[in-house]
Amino acid sequence: MSNSDFDKNGLDSYGIHWLQYAAFAVSGFAIFTTWAFFYDERFHNFVMNIFRVINCSGFNCNGAF
């Protein structure tokens, strides 16, 4: 990582910390997946199938499906 635009404190030339960029990316992903869960039936079914696998693995999903 010697070729980086961040200084030793993790700030770029605008004064933004690298973790702020990571938080922005995670927030965007969370917003998109929440939207997809409620408005895309295929994605909703995909998530519910994952919950069923987790439930069958011994975890309790509290009636998630």
N, C-alpha and C. Protein backbone atom coordinates (compact mmCIF):
# COMPACT_ATOMS: atom_id res chain seq x y z
N MET A 1 0.81 -1.19 0.00
CA MET A 1 0.00 0.00 0.00
C MET A 1 0.86 1.26 0.00
N SER A 2 1.99 1.21 -0.59
CA SER A 2 2.83 2.40 -0.63
C SER A 2 2.28 3.44 -1.61
N ASN A 3 1.51 3.00 -2.62
CA ASN A 3 0.93 3.93 -3.58
C ASN A 3 -0.50 4.27 -3.16
N SER A 4 -0.64 5.10 -2.13
CA SER A 4 -1.94 5.44 -1.57
C SER A 4 -2.10 6.95 -1.51
N ASP A 5 -3.33 7.40 -1.65
CA ASP A 5 -3.61 8.82 -1.55
C ASP A 5 -3.97 9.23 -0.12
N PHE A 6 -3.85 8.31 0.82
CA PHE A 6 -4.15 8.59 2.22
C PHE A 6 -2.85 8.82 2.98
N ASP A 7 -2.89 9.76 3.93
CA ASP A 7 -1.70 10.01 4.74
C ASP A 7 -1.63 9.01 5.89
N LYS A 8 -0.68 9.21 6.80
CA LYS A 8 -0.48 8.25 7.89
C LYS A 8 -1.66 8.23 8.86
N ASN A 9 -2.50 9.26 8.87
CA ASN A 9 -3.68 9.30 9.73
C ASN A 9 -4.93 8.77 9.03
N GLY A 10 -4.80 8.36 7.77
CA GLY A 10 -5.93 7.82 7.03
C GLY A 10 -6.76 8.86 6.32
N LEU A 11 -6.25 10.08 6.16
CA LEU A 11 -7.00 11.15 5.51
C LEU A 11 -6.53 11.33 4.07
N ASP A 12 -7.46 11.65 3.17
CA ASP A 12 -7.07 11.96 1.81
C ASP A 12 -6.87 13.46 1.66
N SER A 13 -6.70 13.92 0.43
CA SER A 13 -6.41 15.34 0.19
C SER A 13 -7.58 16.26 0.56
N TYR A 14 -8.81 15.71 0.63
CA TYR A 14 -9.99 16.50 1.00
C TYR A 14 -10.24 16.48 2.50
N GLY A 15 -9.49 15.69 3.23
CA GLY A 15 -9.67 15.58 4.67
C GLY A 15 -10.69 14.53 5.07
N ILE A 16 -11.00 13.61 4.17
CA ILE A 16 -11.96 12.55 4.44
C ILE A 16 -11.21 11.29 4.83
N HIS A 17 -11.60 10.70 5.94
CA HIS A 17 -10.97 9.48 6.43
C HIS A 17 -11.40 8.30 5.58
N TRP A 18 -10.54 7.30 5.44
CA TRP A 18 -10.87 6.15 4.59
C TRP A 18 -12.07 5.39 5.13
N LEU A 19 -12.27 5.42 6.45
CA LEU A 19 -13.39 4.70 7.02
C LEU A 19 -14.73 5.36 6.66
N GLN A 20 -14.71 6.67 6.37
CA GLN A 20 -15.93 7.33 5.91
C GLN A 20 -16.34 6.81 4.53
N TYR A 21 -15.36 6.53 3.68
CA TYR A 21 -15.67 5.93 2.39
C TYR A 21 -16.25 4.53 2.57
N ALA A 22 -15.69 3.77 3.49
CA ALA A 22 -16.20 2.41 3.75
C ALA A 22 -17.61 2.48 4.31
N ALA A 23 -17.87 3.42 5.22
CA ALA A 23 -19.21 3.55 5.80
C ALA A 23 -20.22 3.95 4.73
N PHE A 24 -19.83 4.80 3.81
CA PHE A 24 -20.72 5.20 2.71
C PHE A 24 -21.06 3.99 1.84
N ALA A 25 -20.07 3.16 1.54
CA ALA A 25 -20.31 1.98 0.71
C ALA A 25 -21.22 0.99 1.42
N VAL A 26 -20.99 0.76 2.70
CA VAL A 26 -21.84 -0.17 3.46
C VAL A 26 -23.26 0.36 3.56
N SER A 27 -23.41 1.66 3.78
CA SER A 27 -24.75 2.26 3.85
C SER A 27 -25.49 2.11 2.53
N GLY A 28 -24.80 2.35 1.43
CA GLY A 28 -25.42 2.18 0.12
C GLY A 28 -25.84 0.75 -0.14
N PHE A 29 -25.00 -0.20 0.26
CA PHE A 29 -25.34 -1.61 0.11
C PHE A 29 -26.55 -1.97 0.97
N ALA A 30 -26.60 -1.45 2.20
CA ALA A 30 -27.73 -1.74 3.09
C ALA A 30 -29.04 -1.16 2.54
N ILE A 31 -28.97 0.04 2.00
CA ILE A 31 -30.17 0.65 1.42
C ILE A 31 -30.66 -0.15 0.22
N PHE A 32 -29.73 -0.55 -0.63
CA PHE A 32 -30.12 -1.32 -1.82
C PHE A 32 -30.71 -2.67 -1.44
N THR A 33 -30.08 -3.39 -0.51
CA THR A 33 -30.59 -4.71 -0.15
C THR A 33 -31.93 -4.61 0.57
N THR A 34 -32.13 -3.56 1.36
CA THR A 34 -33.44 -3.37 2.01
C THR A 34 -34.51 -3.12 0.96
N TRP A 35 -34.20 -2.26 -0.01
CA TRP A 35 -35.15 -1.99 -1.09
C TRP A 35 -35.44 -3.29 -1.86
N ALA A 36 -34.40 -4.03 -2.19
CA ALA A 36 -34.58 -5.26 -2.98
C ALA A 36 -35.38 -6.29 -2.21
N PHE A 37 -35.18 -6.37 -0.89
CA PHE A 37 -35.93 -7.35 -0.09
C PHE A 37 -37.43 -7.09 -0.16
N PHE A 38 -37.84 -5.82 -0.14
CA PHE A 38 -39.26 -5.50 -0.12
C PHE A 38 -39.88 -5.34 -1.50
N TYR A 39 -39.09 -5.06 -2.54
CA TYR A 39 -39.68 -4.75 -3.85
C TYR A 39 -39.29 -5.73 -4.97
N ASP A 40 -38.39 -6.65 -4.71
CA ASP A 40 -38.01 -7.63 -5.72
C ASP A 40 -38.33 -9.02 -5.18
N GLU A 41 -39.31 -9.67 -5.78
CA GLU A 41 -39.78 -10.95 -5.25
C GLU A 41 -38.71 -12.03 -5.31
N ARG A 42 -37.91 -12.05 -6.37
CA ARG A 42 -36.86 -13.07 -6.47
C ARG A 42 -35.81 -12.90 -5.38
N PHE A 43 -35.41 -11.65 -5.09
CA PHE A 43 -34.44 -11.41 -4.03
C PHE A 43 -35.04 -11.75 -2.67
N HIS A 44 -36.31 -11.41 -2.48
CA HIS A 44 -37.00 -11.74 -1.23
C HIS A 44 -37.00 -13.25 -1.00
N ASN A 45 -37.33 -14.00 -2.04
CA ASN A 45 -37.33 -15.47 -1.93
C ASN A 45 -35.92 -16.00 -1.68
N PHE A 46 -34.92 -15.39 -2.30
CA PHE A 46 -33.53 -15.79 -2.08
C PHE A 46 -33.14 -15.62 -0.62
N VAL A 47 -33.47 -14.48 -0.04
CA VAL A 47 -33.15 -14.22 1.37
C VAL A 47 -33.92 -15.16 2.28
N MET A 48 -35.16 -15.40 1.97
CA MET A 48 -35.96 -16.30 2.80
C MET A 48 -35.42 -17.73 2.74
N ASN A 49 -34.92 -18.15 1.59
CA ASN A 49 -34.29 -19.46 1.49
C ASN A 49 -33.02 -19.54 2.33
N ILE A 50 -32.27 -18.46 2.38
CA ILE A 50 -31.10 -18.42 3.25
C ILE A 50 -31.52 -18.55 4.71
N PHE A 51 -32.59 -17.86 5.09
CA PHE A 51 -33.10 -17.98 6.46
C PHE A 51 -33.52 -19.41 6.77
N ARG A 52 -34.13 -20.10 5.80
CA ARG A 52 -34.54 -21.48 6.01
C ARG A 52 -33.33 -22.38 6.22
N VAL A 53 -32.26 -22.16 5.47
CA VAL A 53 -31.05 -22.95 5.64
C VAL A 53 -30.45 -22.70 7.02
N ILE A 54 -30.42 -21.45 7.44
CA ILE A 54 -29.89 -21.12 8.76
C ILE A 54 -30.76 -21.77 9.84
N ASN A 55 -32.07 -21.75 9.67
CA ASN A 55 -32.98 -22.33 10.65
C ASN A 55 -32.78 -23.84 10.71
N CYS A 56 -32.55 -24.46 9.57
CA CYS A 56 -32.33 -25.91 9.55
C CYS A 56 -30.96 -26.28 10.10
N SER A 57 -30.09 -25.30 10.26
CA SER A 57 -28.77 -25.55 10.80
C SER A 57 -28.75 -25.53 12.33
N GLY A 58 -29.89 -25.31 12.94
CA GLY A 58 -29.95 -25.31 14.39
C GLY A 58 -30.17 -23.95 15.00
N PHE A 59 -30.15 -22.89 14.19
CA PHE A 59 -30.44 -21.56 14.69
C PHE A 59 -31.94 -21.32 14.65
N ASN A 60 -32.43 -20.43 15.48
CA ASN A 60 -33.85 -20.13 15.50
C ASN A 60 -34.06 -18.75 14.87
N CYS A 61 -34.82 -18.70 13.77
CA CYS A 61 -35.08 -17.44 13.09
C CYS A 61 -36.33 -16.74 13.61
N ASN A 62 -36.89 -17.20 14.70
CA ASN A 62 -38.08 -16.61 15.31
C ASN A 62 -39.23 -16.50 14.33
N GLY A 63 -39.46 -17.52 13.55
CA GLY A 63 -40.58 -17.54 12.62
C GLY A 63 -40.42 -16.57 11.47
N ALA A 64 -39.21 -16.44 10.94
CA ALA A 64 -38.95 -15.47 9.88
C ALA A 64 -39.61 -15.84 8.57
N PHE A 65 -40.02 -17.10 8.40
CA PHE A 65 -40.65 -17.47 7.13
C PHE A 65 -41.99 -18.09 7.34
